[in-house]
Amino acid sequence: DVVNVESYAFDPTSEIYQAHYNDVYSLGATPGDTDDFVKKMSGWINEKDSGGTRVNVFPYGEDPGDPRGPEAHLNERAHLATNAGFNVTENELEAIRENPGDVRNLVAGKTGEVVYVGNVSKYTGDTSELAGKILLCDSSNRTNFDFAQKVGAVSVMTTAALSNFSNPIESEDWYGPEGAVADWYTEWYDGENEWYTDSARFAGGRGADANKKAMDAGKPIVEWNISPDQYNALRTLIDRGYTVKMNVATVGEMYEMSGSHPGAQGQLTAIAEIKGSNPDLQHERVVLAAHVQEPGCDDNATGVALNLELAVKMKKLIDDGKIARPERTIVFMWGDEMSFSRLYLNAHPDEVEDIICCIDLD
């Protein structure tokens, strides 16, 4: 009777996510066939009416506050922070591999009381009372993880990943259209108006190595990025004196990529090159880079699409004789932000000085 916020949490790379949305949206994809799922989901997202309007995205209107199409619901969930820990046991994980569709009945998770601690670096309460708790925080997950590990908490949650360009508000530094008023929602604490209250960003956590170490010690800390309405719902319940308990169950595993980073996942980087035409200059490179791990239109789906369009169109113009092949080599790269740049530079130490320019398509 106090709040009514329904939250979801799915890893879009997992079989569980595919099974869920294959059922919810009646996609008809072959169970366990990722390529077929991607094809069917893409077809569903891009389904259009006779006028060319995508029917599953904005069937009711594109203005902030308008009722949104079912595709918008894909973001109405909490997101695990990048490289967050998993709290399933080995026996549970093995059972899930055999029957991924029955995960709810196979995972016990960890249940704890939700406690609001604000910015953990400024917390003045009794930390001895936070063991086994789930912490609602105002600081970054990297900081929250260290604090939770110190006090013995089992999970942390924050909206700190939501910067203004991802969650515009009606204020002096608001990034929305001039004159637009998002009066459909009044923020509960500072009186400002927000737009995307049901959106949670994919963002980083403490890191794979730290999380794997905690998991191996039997004390995993699950890090969540949550939406403003999830945060406000929890804060309201706690502030009004309710006891909030939450069951946190996270499914997954970490594996060794290299000896120096035992918890790191593999870094897949796509690279395409248009070879330079001048033998004396083709060793020099102009690099265009776009990071793929954040799915928002501002950050960074548009950069990914632009990089692909530039590569395809430049090749076609050269093949058709419309423009000359450039004298220097043009490199198009897609990968994990920051990491793929370092990986490329580390893999080509003798060629670094030959990179004359990089355009960051963020």
Protein backbone atom coordinates (compact mmCIF):
# COMPACT_ATOMS: atom_id res chain seq x y z
CA ASP A 1 0.00 0.00 0.00
CA VAL A 2 3.01 2.31 0.29
CA VAL A 3 4.81 1.79 -3.00
CA ASN A 4 4.33 -0.43 -6.02
CA VAL A 5 7.51 -0.91 -8.04
CA GLU A 6 8.10 -4.11 -9.97
CA SER A 7 11.75 -4.77 -10.74
CA TYR A 8 13.46 -7.25 -13.00
CA ALA A 9 17.06 -8.36 -13.32
CA PHE A 10 18.26 -10.34 -16.31
CA ASP A 11 21.64 -10.79 -17.95
CA PRO A 12 20.93 -10.31 -21.67
CA THR A 13 23.77 -12.67 -22.60
CA SER A 14 22.37 -15.58 -20.61
CA GLU A 15 20.21 -18.53 -21.61
CA ILE A 16 17.84 -17.53 -18.81
CA TYR A 17 17.23 -14.12 -20.40
CA GLN A 18 16.62 -15.73 -23.77
CA ALA A 19 14.19 -18.28 -22.37
CA HIS A 20 12.31 -15.54 -20.50
CA TYR A 21 11.83 -13.14 -23.39
CA ASN A 22 11.28 -15.88 -25.91
CA ASP A 23 8.26 -16.77 -23.78
CA VAL A 24 7.12 -13.24 -22.83
CA TYR A 25 7.13 -11.92 -26.41
CA SER A 26 6.25 -15.23 -28.12
CA LEU A 27 9.29 -14.94 -30.39
CA GLY A 28 9.26 -18.57 -31.49
CA ALA A 29 13.06 -18.89 -31.22
CA THR A 30 14.59 -22.34 -30.88
CA PRO A 31 15.44 -22.86 -27.17
CA GLY A 32 19.19 -22.67 -26.57
CA ASP A 33 19.93 -21.36 -30.08
CA THR A 34 21.45 -17.93 -29.44
CA ASP A 35 21.74 -17.01 -33.13
CA ASP A 36 18.06 -17.79 -33.68
CA PHE A 37 17.10 -15.83 -30.55
CA VAL A 38 19.06 -12.76 -31.67
CA LYS A 39 17.46 -12.96 -35.12
CA LYS A 40 13.92 -13.33 -33.72
CA MET A 41 14.41 -10.64 -31.05
CA SER A 42 15.85 -8.23 -33.62
CA GLY A 43 12.90 -8.88 -35.90
CA TRP A 44 10.49 -8.22 -33.05
CA ILE A 45 12.21 -4.97 -32.02
CA ASN A 46 12.23 -3.73 -35.63
CA GLU A 47 8.66 -4.76 -36.48
CA LYS A 48 6.92 -1.84 -38.23
CA ASP A 49 3.39 -0.89 -39.21
CA SER A 50 2.30 0.17 -42.71
CA GLY A 51 3.51 3.72 -42.01
CA GLY A 52 7.01 2.58 -41.10
CA THR A 53 6.64 3.15 -37.34
CA ARG A 54 8.16 0.53 -35.05
CA VAL A 55 5.15 -0.90 -33.26
CA ASN A 56 6.90 -2.37 -30.22
CA VAL A 57 8.92 0.70 -29.28
CA PHE A 58 6.83 3.90 -29.20
CA PRO A 59 3.27 2.91 -30.13
CA TYR A 60 1.81 5.59 -27.84
CA GLY A 61 4.21 8.51 -28.30
CA GLU A 62 7.88 9.41 -27.99
CA ASP A 63 7.64 12.29 -25.51
CA PRO A 64 8.89 11.76 -21.94
CA GLY A 65 6.07 10.46 -19.80
CA ASP A 66 4.09 8.98 -22.67
CA PRO A 67 3.09 5.33 -22.21
CA ARG A 68 5.92 3.29 -23.69
CA GLY A 69 5.88 0.24 -25.91
CA PRO A 70 6.87 -3.21 -24.65
CA GLU A 71 10.45 -2.85 -25.90
CA ALA A 72 10.93 -0.02 -23.40
CA HIS A 73 10.33 -2.54 -20.63
CA LEU A 74 13.65 -4.20 -21.48
CA ASN A 75 15.29 -1.50 -19.34
CA GLU A 76 12.86 -1.67 -16.41
CA ARG A 77 15.12 -3.75 -14.26
CA ALA A 78 18.12 -3.65 -12.00
CA HIS A 79 21.43 -4.49 -13.63
CA LEU A 80 24.32 -6.42 -12.17
CA ALA A 81 27.41 -4.24 -12.09
CA THR A 82 30.16 -5.28 -14.49
CA ASN A 83 32.07 -8.25 -13.02
CA ALA A 84 29.82 -8.41 -9.93
CA GLY A 85 30.11 -11.53 -7.83
CA PHE A 86 27.73 -14.51 -8.02
CA ASN A 87 26.37 -16.18 -4.91
CA VAL A 88 25.15 -19.50 -6.31
CA THR A 89 26.82 -22.63 -4.96
CA GLU A 90 28.65 -25.11 -7.17
CA ASN A 91 25.81 -27.62 -6.74
CA GLU A 92 23.22 -25.01 -7.71
CA LEU A 93 25.24 -23.94 -10.74
CA GLU A 94 25.50 -27.52 -11.94
CA ALA A 95 21.73 -27.99 -11.55
CA ILE A 96 21.09 -24.76 -13.49
CA ARG A 97 23.28 -25.96 -16.35
CA GLU A 98 21.06 -29.02 -16.62
CA ASN A 99 17.81 -27.04 -16.42
CA PRO A 100 18.28 -23.27 -16.94
CA GLY A 101 14.55 -22.70 -17.22
CA ASP A 102 13.98 -23.78 -13.60
CA VAL A 103 16.44 -21.35 -12.04
CA ARG A 104 13.96 -19.78 -9.58
CA ASN A 105 13.43 -23.14 -7.87
CA LEU A 106 17.09 -24.11 -7.90
CA VAL A 107 18.77 -21.06 -6.33
CA ALA A 108 18.48 -20.25 -2.63
CA GLY A 109 20.42 -16.97 -2.77
CA LYS A 110 21.03 -14.85 0.31
CA THR A 111 18.30 -13.09 2.26
CA GLY A 112 19.09 -9.98 4.26
CA GLU A 113 17.54 -6.78 5.58
CA VAL A 114 17.94 -3.71 3.38
CA VAL A 115 19.73 -0.89 5.22
CA TYR A 116 20.20 2.65 3.88
CA VAL A 117 23.81 3.77 4.46
CA GLY A 118 24.07 6.71 2.02
CA ASN A 119 27.61 7.56 0.95
CA VAL A 120 29.62 4.77 2.54
CA SER A 121 32.71 6.96 3.01
CA LYS A 122 30.64 9.20 5.31
CA TYR A 123 28.78 6.47 7.20
CA THR A 124 28.77 7.14 10.97
CA GLY A 125 26.52 4.32 12.16
CA ASP A 126 27.46 1.13 13.95
CA THR A 127 29.15 -0.98 11.28
CA SER A 128 28.89 -4.09 13.47
CA GLU A 129 25.16 -4.13 12.72
CA LEU A 130 25.68 -4.37 8.91
CA ALA A 131 26.93 -7.95 8.73
CA GLY A 132 24.66 -10.05 6.50
CA LYS A 133 22.75 -6.95 5.39
CA ILE A 134 21.97 -5.60 1.91
CA LEU A 135 23.14 -1.99 1.64
CA LEU A 136 21.32 0.79 -0.21
CA CYS A 137 24.05 3.28 -1.10
CA ASP A 138 24.59 6.68 -2.69
CA SER A 139 28.22 6.03 -3.64
CA SER A 140 29.86 4.11 -6.48
CA ASN A 141 29.79 0.31 -6.48
CA ARG A 142 33.58 0.21 -6.42
CA THR A 143 33.50 2.04 -3.07
CA ASN A 144 30.43 0.14 -1.90
CA PHE A 145 32.15 -3.22 -2.50
CA ASP A 146 35.12 -2.35 -0.27
CA PHE A 147 32.78 -1.10 2.47
CA ALA A 148 30.56 -4.21 2.25
CA GLN A 149 33.58 -6.49 2.42
CA LYS A 150 34.81 -4.65 5.52
CA VAL A 151 31.48 -4.82 7.39
CA GLY A 152 30.38 -8.26 6.16
CA ALA A 153 27.40 -7.18 4.03
CA VAL A 154 26.24 -9.55 1.27
CA SER A 155 25.04 -7.11 -1.41
CA VAL A 156 25.08 -3.42 -2.36
CA MET A 157 22.75 -1.28 -4.49
CA THR A 158 23.18 2.20 -5.97
CA THR A 159 21.95 4.63 -8.63
CA ALA A 160 25.39 6.28 -8.74
CA ALA A 161 25.93 5.05 -12.31
CA LEU A 162 23.15 7.35 -13.53
CA SER A 163 24.75 10.59 -14.70
CA ASN A 164 22.74 13.50 -16.06
CA PHE A 165 22.99 12.55 -19.72
CA SER A 166 21.51 9.16 -18.88
CA ASN A 167 18.88 10.44 -16.45
CA PRO A 168 18.11 14.11 -17.26
CA ILE A 169 16.35 16.15 -14.60
CA GLU A 170 14.63 19.55 -14.61
CA SER A 171 17.39 21.68 -13.07
CA GLU A 172 20.05 24.22 -14.02
CA ASP A 173 22.24 21.58 -15.63
CA TRP A 174 19.37 19.66 -17.19
CA TYR A 175 20.14 18.22 -20.63
CA GLY A 176 16.58 17.93 -21.91
CA PRO A 177 14.94 20.00 -24.70
CA GLU A 178 14.58 23.67 -23.87
CA GLY A 179 11.15 24.46 -22.49
CA ALA A 180 10.11 20.85 -21.96
CA VAL A 181 8.65 20.14 -18.53
CA ALA A 182 8.65 16.59 -17.26
CA ASP A 183 5.80 17.21 -14.82
CA TRP A 184 4.59 13.61 -14.90
CA TYR A 185 7.01 12.74 -12.13
CA THR A 186 8.19 14.80 -9.17
CA GLU A 187 11.34 13.56 -7.52
CA TRP A 188 10.53 12.73 -3.92
CA TYR A 189 13.45 14.35 -2.15
CA ASP A 190 14.78 17.48 -3.82
CA GLY A 191 11.72 18.60 -5.77
CA GLU A 192 13.33 18.18 -9.18
CA ASN A 193 11.68 16.41 -12.10
CA GLU A 194 13.25 13.33 -13.65
CA TRP A 195 12.58 11.63 -16.97
CA TYR A 196 13.74 8.07 -17.01
CA THR A 197 12.97 6.91 -13.50
CA ASP A 198 12.61 3.26 -14.49
CA SER A 199 15.98 2.95 -16.24
CA ALA A 200 19.10 1.46 -14.67
CA ARG A 201 22.50 1.82 -16.33
CA PHE A 202 24.95 -0.96 -17.03
CA ALA A 203 28.06 0.21 -15.16
CA GLY A 204 31.11 -1.03 -13.38
CA GLY A 205 31.68 -2.66 -10.01
CA ARG A 206 34.78 -3.41 -7.98
CA GLY A 207 36.30 -5.58 -10.68
CA ALA A 208 36.61 -9.24 -11.62
CA ASP A 209 39.73 -10.04 -9.60
CA ALA A 210 38.36 -8.61 -6.35
CA ASN A 211 35.01 -10.31 -6.85
CA LYS A 212 36.52 -13.67 -7.69
CA LYS A 213 38.70 -13.48 -4.58
CA ALA A 214 35.61 -12.78 -2.47
CA MET A 215 33.70 -15.62 -4.16
CA ASP A 216 36.57 -18.06 -3.59
CA ALA A 217 36.56 -17.06 0.08
CA GLY A 218 32.87 -17.94 0.27
CA LYS A 219 31.86 -14.30 0.85
CA PRO A 220 30.55 -13.00 -2.51
CA ILE A 221 29.30 -9.43 -2.65
CA VAL A 222 26.63 -8.85 -5.28
CA GLU A 223 26.65 -5.35 -6.75
CA TRP A 224 23.51 -3.85 -8.30
CA ASN A 225 22.84 -0.74 -10.37
CA ILE A 226 19.21 0.16 -9.74
CA SER A 227 16.77 2.70 -11.17
CA PRO A 228 15.61 5.88 -9.39
CA ASP A 229 12.11 4.50 -8.79
CA GLN A 230 13.56 1.33 -7.23
CA TYR A 231 15.79 3.48 -5.04
CA ASN A 232 12.92 5.79 -4.05
CA ALA A 233 10.65 2.85 -3.25
CA LEU A 234 13.24 1.32 -0.93
CA ARG A 235 14.12 4.65 0.70
CA THR A 236 10.43 5.43 1.31
CA LEU A 237 9.75 2.08 2.98
CA ILE A 238 12.85 2.34 5.16
CA ASP A 239 12.27 5.99 6.06
CA ARG A 240 8.69 5.17 7.13
CA GLY A 241 9.90 2.50 9.50
CA TYR A 242 9.20 -0.64 7.50
CA THR A 243 11.58 -3.57 7.65
CA VAL A 244 12.54 -4.52 4.09
CA LYS A 245 14.03 -7.94 3.41
CA MET A 246 15.37 -8.94 0.03
CA ASN A 247 16.48 -12.23 -1.44
CA VAL A 248 19.47 -11.82 -3.75
CA ALA A 249 20.27 -14.72 -6.07
CA THR A 250 22.84 -14.30 -8.84
CA VAL A 251 23.77 -16.97 -11.33
CA GLY A 252 27.07 -17.10 -13.20
CA GLU A 253 30.75 -17.89 -12.98
CA MET A 254 34.11 -16.24 -13.58
CA TYR A 255 36.94 -17.87 -15.45
CA GLU A 256 40.64 -17.23 -15.88
CA MET A 257 41.71 -15.17 -18.86
CA SER A 258 45.35 -14.80 -17.92
CA GLY A 259 47.63 -15.46 -15.00
CA SER A 260 47.71 -11.78 -14.04
CA HIS A 261 43.91 -11.48 -14.02
CA PRO A 262 42.43 -14.78 -12.81
CA GLY A 263 38.89 -13.38 -12.60
CA ALA A 264 38.81 -11.48 -15.87
CA GLN A 265 36.48 -12.44 -18.66
CA GLY A 266 37.72 -12.65 -22.23
CA GLN A 267 37.89 -9.42 -24.18
CA LEU A 268 36.54 -9.86 -27.69
CA THR A 269 37.57 -6.99 -29.98
CA ALA A 270 36.47 -6.62 -33.60
CA ILE A 271 38.96 -4.90 -35.93
CA ALA A 272 38.52 -4.00 -39.59
CA GLU A 273 41.11 -2.22 -41.72
CA ILE A 274 41.16 -0.45 -45.06
CA LYS A 275 44.76 -0.85 -46.14
CA GLY A 276 46.56 2.30 -47.21
CA SER A 277 47.48 2.67 -50.88
CA ASN A 278 50.89 4.31 -50.43
CA PRO A 279 53.62 1.72 -49.61
CA ASP A 280 55.61 4.41 -47.84
CA LEU A 281 52.68 5.53 -45.66
CA GLN A 282 50.41 2.50 -45.24
CA HIS A 283 52.16 1.55 -41.95
CA GLU A 284 50.67 4.74 -40.46
CA ARG A 285 47.15 4.36 -39.09
CA VAL A 286 44.09 6.45 -38.35
CA VAL A 287 41.96 4.63 -35.76
CA LEU A 288 38.21 4.99 -35.23
CA ALA A 289 37.09 3.33 -31.99
CA ALA A 290 33.62 2.60 -30.56
CA HIS A 291 32.82 0.75 -27.34
CA VAL A 292 30.05 -1.83 -27.42
CA GLN A 293 29.29 -2.79 -23.82
CA GLU A 294 26.79 -0.01 -23.00
CA PRO A 295 23.51 -0.27 -24.92
CA GLY A 296 22.07 3.26 -24.56
CA CYS A 297 21.59 5.53 -27.58
CA ASP A 298 23.80 8.24 -26.03
CA ASP A 299 26.29 5.75 -24.70
CA ASN A 300 27.12 4.11 -26.99
CA ALA A 301 24.83 2.50 -29.59
CA THR A 302 25.10 5.50 -31.90
CA GLY A 303 28.91 5.35 -31.85
CA VAL A 304 28.84 1.64 -32.67
CA ALA A 305 26.43 2.19 -35.56
CA LEU A 306 28.38 5.18 -36.89
CA ASN A 307 31.64 3.23 -36.92
CA LEU A 308 30.02 0.38 -38.86
CA GLU A 309 28.40 2.78 -41.32
CA LEU A 310 31.69 4.61 -41.91
CA ALA A 311 33.53 1.34 -42.57
CA VAL A 312 30.90 -0.04 -44.94
CA LYS A 313 30.32 3.20 -46.86
CA MET A 314 34.01 4.04 -47.18
CA LYS A 315 34.74 0.58 -48.61
CA LYS A 316 31.80 0.87 -51.04
CA LEU A 317 32.90 4.32 -52.24
CA ILE A 318 36.42 2.99 -52.84
CA ASP A 319 35.16 -0.16 -54.58
CA ASP A 320 32.86 1.95 -56.80
CA GLY A 321 35.67 4.34 -57.72
CA LYS A 322 33.92 7.31 -56.12
CA ILE A 323 36.87 8.14 -53.85
CA ALA A 324 40.53 7.13 -53.91
CA ARG A 325 41.83 4.58 -51.46
CA PRO A 326 43.45 6.59 -48.61
CA GLU A 327 47.25 6.58 -48.55
CA ARG A 328 47.33 5.60 -44.85
CA THR A 329 45.57 2.63 -43.27
CA ILE A 330 42.17 3.28 -41.65
CA VAL A 331 41.38 1.06 -38.63
CA PHE A 332 37.84 0.51 -37.28
CA MET A 333 37.65 -1.04 -33.80
CA TRP A 334 34.78 -2.20 -31.57
CA GLY A 335 35.30 -3.53 -28.04
CA ASP A 336 35.06 -3.02 -24.29
CA GLU A 337 35.57 0.65 -23.39
CA MET A 338 39.13 1.53 -22.32
CA SER A 339 40.17 -2.13 -22.17
CA PHE A 340 40.23 -2.74 -25.91
CA SER A 341 42.39 0.33 -26.50
CA ARG A 342 44.95 -0.91 -23.98
CA LEU A 343 44.82 -4.44 -25.41
CA TYR A 344 45.45 -3.12 -28.93
CA LEU A 345 48.35 -0.91 -27.84
CA ASN A 346 49.91 -3.69 -25.76
CA ALA A 347 49.61 -6.12 -28.69
CA HIS A 348 51.32 -3.69 -31.12
CA PRO A 349 54.14 -2.06 -29.11
CA ASP A 350 56.30 -1.45 -32.18
CA GLU A 351 53.47 0.23 -34.09
CA VAL A 352 52.19 2.67 -31.46
CA GLU A 353 54.18 5.59 -32.89
CA ASP A 354 52.63 4.89 -36.32
CA ILE A 355 49.12 5.73 -35.00
CA ILE A 356 48.82 9.33 -36.10
CA CYS A 357 45.25 9.95 -34.99
CA CYS A 358 42.38 8.30 -33.09
CA ILE A 359 38.76 9.39 -33.30
CA ASP A 360 36.75 8.32 -30.24
CA LEU A 361 33.18 7.55 -31.33
CA ASP A 362 31.64 7.81 -27.87
